[in-house]
C-alpha atoms as a PDB file:
ATOM      1  CA  MET A   1      77.034 107.631  57.088  1.00  0.00           C
ATOM      2  CA  THR A   2      75.592 104.181  56.290  1.00  0.00           C
ATOM      3  CA  LEU A   3      72.920 103.706  53.636  1.00  0.00           C
ATOM      4  CA  ARG A   4      71.046 100.941  51.962  1.00  0.00           C
ATOM      5  CA  MET A   5      71.937 100.546  48.311  1.00  0.00           C
ATOM      6  CA  ASN A   6      70.258  98.936  45.330  1.00  0.00           C
ATOM      7  CA  PRO A   7      73.050  96.762  43.950  1.00  0.00           C
ATOM      8  CA  LEU A   8      72.079  97.818  40.406  1.00  0.00           C
ATOM      9  CA  ASP A   9      72.961 101.435  41.123  1.00  0.00           C
ATOM     10  CA  ALA A  10      76.015 101.973  38.944  1.00  0.00           C
ATOM     11  CA  ARG A  11      76.851 105.474  40.212  1.00  0.00           C
ATOM     12  CA  LYS A  12      77.017 104.224  43.802  1.00  0.00           C
ATOM     13  CA  LEU A  13      79.089 101.177  42.721  1.00  0.00           C
ATOM     14  CA  LEU A  14      81.509 103.682  41.002  1.00  0.00           C
ATOM     15  CA  GLU A  15      81.789 105.646  44.275  1.00  0.00           C
ATOM     16  CA  THR A  16      82.365 102.417  46.272  1.00  0.00           C
ATOM     17  CA  THR A  17      85.024 101.351  43.741  1.00  0.00           C
ATOM     18  CA  ARG A  18      86.708 104.759  44.060  1.00  0.00           C
ATOM     19  CA  ARG A  19      86.843 104.431  47.835  1.00  0.00           C
ATOM     20  CA  ALA A  20      88.252 100.922  47.596  1.00  0.00           C
ATOM     21  CA  LEU A  21      90.926 102.189  45.214  1.00  0.00           C
ATOM     22  CA  ALA A  22      91.718 105.067  47.552  1.00  0.00           C
ATOM     23  CA  SER A  23      92.319 102.564  50.380  1.00  0.00           C
ATOM     24  CA  CYS A  24      95.062 100.804  48.422  1.00  0.00           C
ATOM     25  CA  SER A  25      96.800 103.781  46.841  1.00  0.00           C
ATOM     26  CA  ASP A  26      98.184 106.963  48.323  1.00  0.00           C
ATOM     27  CA  TRP A  27      99.106 108.418  44.907  1.00  0.00           C
ATOM     28  CA  LEU A  28      95.861 107.895  42.991  1.00  0.00           C
ATOM     29  CA  ASP A  29      93.449 110.787  42.366  1.00  0.00           C
ATOM     30  CA  VAL A  30      90.325 108.633  42.600  1.00  0.00           C
ATOM     31  CA  SER A  31      88.120 111.543  41.499  1.00  0.00           C
ATOM     32  CA  ALA A  32      89.670 111.100  38.032  1.00  0.00           C
ATOM     33  CA  VAL A  33      88.763 107.390  37.954  1.00  0.00           C
ATOM     34  CA  GLY A  34      85.746 106.706  35.660  1.00  0.00           C
ATOM     35  CA  PRO A  35      84.144 103.933  33.710  1.00  0.00           C
ATOM     36  CA  ASP A  36      86.805 104.030  30.951  1.00  0.00           C
ATOM     37  CA  THR A  37      89.740 103.872  33.291  1.00  0.00           C
ATOM     38  CA  PRO A  38      91.726 100.629  32.700  1.00  0.00           C
ATOM     39  CA  LEU A  39      92.106  98.499  35.880  1.00  0.00           C
ATOM     40  CA  ALA A  40      95.876  98.072  34.947  1.00  0.00           C
ATOM     41  CA  ALA A  41      96.283 101.856  35.305  1.00  0.00           C
ATOM     42  CA  VAL A  42      95.111 101.886  38.918  1.00  0.00           C
ATOM     43  CA  LEU A  43      96.050  98.462  40.259  1.00  0.00           C
ATOM     44  CA  LEU A  44      99.742  98.232  39.538  1.00  0.00           C
ATOM     45  CA  ASP A  45     100.636  95.198  41.705  1.00  0.00           C
ATOM     46  CA  SER A  46      99.010  92.157  43.173  1.00  0.00           C
ATOM     47  CA  LEU A  47      99.160  93.435  46.739  1.00  0.00           C
ATOM     48  CA  ALA A  48      97.165  96.564  45.740  1.00  0.00           C
ATOM     49  CA  ALA A  49      94.739  94.350  43.852  1.00  0.00           C
ATOM     50  CA  ALA A  50      94.212  92.046  46.798  1.00  0.00           C
ATOM     51  CA  LYS A  51      93.630  95.057  49.125  1.00  0.00           C
ATOM     52  CA  PHE A  52      91.192  96.637  46.602  1.00  0.00           C
ATOM     53  CA  ILE A  53      89.166  93.447  46.315  1.00  0.00           C
ATOM     54  CA  ALA A  54      89.019  92.979  50.077  1.00  0.00           C
ATOM     55  CA  THR A  55      87.952  96.587  50.632  1.00  0.00           C
ATOM     56  CA  LEU A  56      85.432  96.432  47.836  1.00  0.00           C
ATOM     57  CA  GLU A  57      83.848  93.274  49.215  1.00  0.00           C
ATOM     58  CA  ALA A  58      83.754  94.735  52.671  1.00  0.00           C
ATOM     59  CA  ASP A  59      82.060  97.988  51.449  1.00  0.00           C
ATOM     60  CA  LEU A  60      79.556  95.876  49.470  1.00  0.00           C
ATOM     61  CA  GLY A  61      78.906  93.630  52.506  1.00  0.00           C
ATOM     62  CA  MET A  62      80.008  90.660  50.531  1.00  0.00           C
ATOM     63  CA  SER A  63      82.703  88.036  50.619  1.00  0.00           C
ATOM     64  CA  ASP A  64      84.166  85.694  48.082  1.00  0.00           C
ATOM     65  CA  LEU A  65      82.900  87.428  44.973  1.00  0.00           C
ATOM     66  CA  PRO A  66      84.295  85.402  42.037  1.00  0.00           C
ATOM     67  CA  PHE A  67      86.767  88.013  40.823  1.00  0.00           C
ATOM     68  CA  GLU A  68      89.095  85.236  39.537  1.00  0.00           C
ATOM     69  CA  ARG A  69      86.316  83.968  37.279  1.00  0.00           C
ATOM     70  CA  TRP A  70      85.692  87.462  35.882  1.00  0.00           C
ATOM     71  CA  LEU A  71      89.365  87.973  35.244  1.00  0.00           C
ATOM     72  CA  ALA A  72      89.658  84.568  33.556  1.00  0.00           C
ATOM     73  CA  GLU A  73      86.730  85.443  31.230  1.00  0.00           C
ATOM     74  CA  HIS A  74      88.613  88.558  30.131  1.00  0.00           C
ATOM     75  CA  SER A  75      92.163  87.161  30.040  1.00  0.00           C
ATOM     76  CA  GLU A  76      92.312  87.301  26.250  1.00  0.00           C
ATOM     77  CA  ARG A  77      91.397  91.024  26.071  1.00  0.00           C
ATOM     78  CA  THR A  78      93.000  92.895  28.917  1.00  0.00           C
ATOM     79  CA  ASP A  79      91.911  96.151  27.265  1.00  0.00           C
ATOM     80  CA  SER A  80      88.339  95.262  28.285  1.00  0.00           C
ATOM     81  CA  LEU A  81      89.254  95.301  31.922  1.00  0.00           C
ATOM     82  CA  THR A  82      88.025  98.746  32.904  1.00  0.00           C
ATOM     83  CA  ILE A  83      86.285 100.173  35.944  1.00  0.00           C
ATOM     84  CA  GLY A  84      83.118 100.316  33.907  1.00  0.00           C
ATOM     85  CA  SER A  85      83.360  96.600  32.919  1.00  0.00           C
ATOM     86  CA  LEU A  86      83.941  95.712  36.604  1.00  0.00           C
ATOM     87  CA  ILE A  87      80.914  97.703  37.707  1.00  0.00           C
ATOM     88  CA  GLU A  88      78.742  96.130  35.008  1.00  0.00           C
ATOM     89  CA  TRP A  89      79.905  92.678  36.168  1.00  0.00           C
ATOM     90  CA  LEU A  90      79.076  93.638  39.753  1.00  0.00           C
ATOM     91  CA  ARG A  91      75.630  94.822  38.641  1.00  0.00           C
ATOM     92  CA  SER A  92      74.996  91.477  36.923  1.00  0.00           C
ATOM     93  CA  SER A  93      76.539  89.367  39.679  1.00  0.00           C
ATOM     94  CA  PRO A  94      74.093  86.869  41.307  1.00  0.00           C
ATOM     95  CA  GLU A  95      76.168  87.090  44.461  1.00  0.00           C
ATOM     96  CA  LEU A  96      75.468  90.798  44.722  1.00  0.00           C
ATOM     97  CA  HIS A  97      71.786  90.372  43.880  1.00  0.00           C
ATOM     98  CA  ALA A  98      71.460  87.825  46.628  1.00  0.00           C
ATOM     99  CA  GLY A  99      72.424  90.680  49.013  1.00  0.00           C
ATOM    100  CA  GLU A 100      69.673  93.136  47.980  1.00  0.00           C
ATOM    101  CA  GLY A 101      69.803  96.119  50.206  1.00  0.00           C
ATOM    102  CA  THR A 102      73.576  95.844  50.664  1.00  0.00           C
ATOM    103  CA  VAL A 103      74.975  98.150  53.319  1.00  0.00           C
ATOM    104  CA  MET A 104      77.619 100.700  52.268  1.00  0.00           C
ATOM    105  CA  ASP A 105      79.386 103.424  54.013  1.00  0.00           C
ATOM    106  CA  ARG A 106      79.449 107.078  52.854  1.00  0.00           C
ATOM    107  CA  GLY A 107      77.371 106.818  49.657  1.00  0.00           C
ATOM    108  CA  THR A 108      76.047 109.514  47.456  1.00  0.00           C
ATOM    109  CA  GLU A 109      72.397 110.333  46.727  1.00  0.00           C
ATOM    110  CA  SER A 110      72.577 110.044  42.955  1.00  0.00           C
ATOM    111  CA  SER A 111      71.438 106.934  41.212  1.00  0.00           C
ATOM    112  CA  GLY A 112      71.153 105.275  37.819  1.00  0.00           C
ATOM    113  CA  GLY A 113      73.650 104.304  35.250  1.00  0.00           C
ATOM    114  CA  LEU A 114      77.114 105.439  34.589  1.00  0.00           C
ATOM    115  CA  SER A 115      78.057 108.548  32.627  1.00  0.00           C
ATOM    116  CA  GLY A 116      81.480 109.114  31.255  1.00  0.00           C
ATOM    117  CA  ASP A 117      82.921 111.147  34.122  1.00  0.00           C
ATOM    118  CA  GLY A 118      80.895 109.798  37.161  1.00  0.00           C
END
């Protein structure tokens, strides 16, 4: 199923993030991934991280999102690199806003902000 998504919809961004994580990990229970999940706990190596970014960009209908800039901004505090902080960064990203009405596959009907368990 393909749907049009408001890029500010945090719950749908969480679902998109979970799908991207599932694509790069056979062992991860993505249903347990929430806003407080540290990125380091789910992306254990650079190959998985590269596949995650590529899949996330494809699902969002974007390319060349400045992940390196986001990571550099948080390099001093790796504990701040969580799924929730990634989603908030995506929600505020001008690149994503430029793609209003982004196309995603297999979304959910819920909308709004993130709650603790998604």
